[in-house]
Protein backbone atom coordinates (compact mmCIF):
# COMPACT_ATOMS: atom_id res chain seq x y z
CA MET A 1 34.23 27.72 84.83
CA LEU A 2 33.71 25.09 82.12
CA TRP A 3 29.99 25.29 82.64
CA GLU A 4 30.09 29.06 82.19
CA LEU A 5 32.07 28.72 78.93
CA TYR A 6 29.58 26.14 77.71
CA GLN A 7 26.65 28.43 78.54
CA GLN A 8 28.29 31.37 76.79
CA SER A 9 28.82 29.21 73.72
CA GLN A 10 25.17 28.12 73.76
CA ILE A 11 24.02 31.73 74.14
CA ALA A 12 26.19 32.81 71.19
CA ASP A 13 24.82 29.95 69.08
CA ALA A 14 21.25 30.93 69.98
CA ARG A 15 21.92 34.57 69.10
CA ASN A 16 23.39 33.56 65.73
CA ALA A 17 20.41 31.31 65.01
CA ALA A 18 18.00 34.10 65.94
CA SER A 19 19.85 36.54 63.69
CA ARG A 20 19.71 34.10 60.76
CA ALA A 21 16.01 33.52 61.38
CA GLU A 22 15.35 37.27 61.44
CA THR A 23 17.22 37.74 58.16
CA LYS A 24 15.30 34.88 56.57
CA SER A 25 12.01 36.26 57.88
CA LYS A 26 12.71 39.69 56.36
CA ARG A 27 13.59 38.07 53.03
CA TYR A 28 10.33 36.10 53.01
CA GLU A 29 8.35 39.16 54.05
CA SER A 30 9.79 41.01 51.06
CA GLU A 31 9.01 38.10 48.74
CA VAL A 32 5.40 37.90 49.98
CA ALA A 33 4.97 41.64 49.39
CA ARG A 34 6.36 41.25 45.85
CA LEU A 35 3.99 38.35 45.13
CA GLU A 36 1.02 40.27 46.54
CA ASP A 37 1.84 43.17 44.21
CA LYS A 38 2.05 40.76 41.28
CA VAL A 39 -1.30 39.16 42.14
CA GLU A 40 -2.95 42.58 42.40
CA SER A 41 -1.50 43.59 39.03
CA LEU A 42 -2.71 40.36 37.42
CA ALA A 43 -6.18 40.77 38.95
CA LEU A 44 -6.37 44.32 37.58
CA THR A 45 -5.29 43.13 34.13
CA CYS A 46 -7.83 40.27 34.18
CA GLN A 47 -10.60 42.68 35.16
CA ALA A 48 -9.66 45.09 32.34
CA LEU A 49 -9.51 42.27 29.79
CA TRP A 50 -12.86 40.88 30.92
CA GLU A 51 -14.51 44.29 30.65
CA ILE A 52 -13.14 44.76 27.14
CA VAL A 53 -14.31 41.28 26.08
CA ARG A 54 -17.74 41.78 27.68
CA GLU A 55 -18.20 45.15 25.94
CA GLN A 56 -17.01 43.86 22.54
CA THR A 57 -18.84 40.52 22.53
CA GLY A 58 -21.90 40.87 24.71
CA LEU A 59 -20.87 37.92 26.88
CA THR A 60 -22.26 37.97 30.41
CA ASP A 61 -20.70 37.66 33.83
CA GLU A 62 -22.66 34.44 34.28
CA GLN A 63 -21.04 32.96 31.17
CA LEU A 64 -17.62 33.88 32.52
CA VAL A 65 -18.36 32.28 35.89
CA ALA A 66 -19.63 29.13 34.14
CA LYS A 67 -16.45 28.90 32.03
CA VAL A 68 -14.24 29.38 35.09
CA SER A 69 -16.11 26.54 36.83
CA GLU A 70 -15.77 24.32 33.74
CA ILE A 71 -12.02 24.90 33.57
CA ASP A 72 -11.63 24.41 37.32
CA LEU A 73 -13.34 21.01 37.12
CA ARG A 74 -11.15 19.69 34.29
CA ASP A 75 -8.84 18.10 36.83
CA GLY A 76 -11.81 16.61 38.70
CA VAL A 77 -11.55 18.94 41.71
CA ALA A 78 -13.40 22.23 42.24
CA ASP A 79 -10.57 23.98 44.06
CA GLY A 80 -10.06 27.22 42.14
CA ARG A 81 -6.84 25.97 40.56
CA MET A 82 -5.59 24.73 37.22
CA THR A 83 -3.67 21.66 38.32
CA ASN A 84 -1.02 20.53 35.89
CA GLY A 85 -0.65 16.95 37.10
CA VAL A 86 0.81 14.12 35.04
CA GLN A 87 0.50 13.15 31.40
CA SER A 88 1.72 10.25 29.28
CA CYS A 89 4.41 11.03 26.74
CA GLU A 90 3.03 10.65 23.22
CA ASN A 91 6.35 9.19 22.06
CA CYS A 92 7.48 6.74 24.77
CA GLY A 93 4.28 6.43 26.85
CA ARG A 94 5.99 7.12 30.17
CA LYS A 95 4.41 9.41 32.74
CA THR A 96 5.83 12.92 32.92
CA SER A 97 4.82 16.19 34.54
CA LYS A 98 2.63 18.49 32.47
CA ARG A 99 4.86 21.32 33.68
CA ARG A 100 7.84 19.99 31.75
CA LEU A 101 8.38 21.31 28.24
CA SER A 102 9.70 17.93 27.12
CA CYS A 103 9.62 14.31 28.28
CA LEU A 104 12.14 13.59 31.00
CA TYR A 105 12.89 10.17 29.48
CA CYS A 106 12.96 10.55 25.68
CA GLY A 107 13.12 14.32 25.20
CA GLU A 108 9.95 14.51 23.07
CA GLU A 109 8.21 17.89 23.35
CA ASN A 110 5.07 17.67 25.49
CA SER A 111 1.84 18.85 23.90
CA ARG A 112 -0.07 21.62 25.65
CA GLU A 113 -3.76 21.45 26.46
CA HIS A 114 -4.01 25.24 26.64
CA VAL A 115 -1.91 28.33 26.06
CA PHE A 116 -1.49 29.05 29.80
CA GLN A 117 -0.09 25.62 30.70
CA GLN A 118 3.37 26.03 32.15
């Protein structure tokens, strides 16, 4: 009798855990779909901007590819990413994330290397 109650409790716990996992999975599935839509929209916008720039300036696809490679290698790794990494605060000299708008220690505003740095 006690064993049966214990088993029923374990089964109920497993069902609850499965239900929570299913809910979480659906939430993540929705988030992935949203991010995929955003990436597609950004890719479309980048393509449109590049075509406008190419038409207006006469730049070539090869020049674009070379610039992308140059920017990619700024962090020392050819990985297709713009890594933010760490920088030294100009005011106090302590290391702080390039993602932060201001130094974690002294509050000084961090300088930006480029307009897209977040």
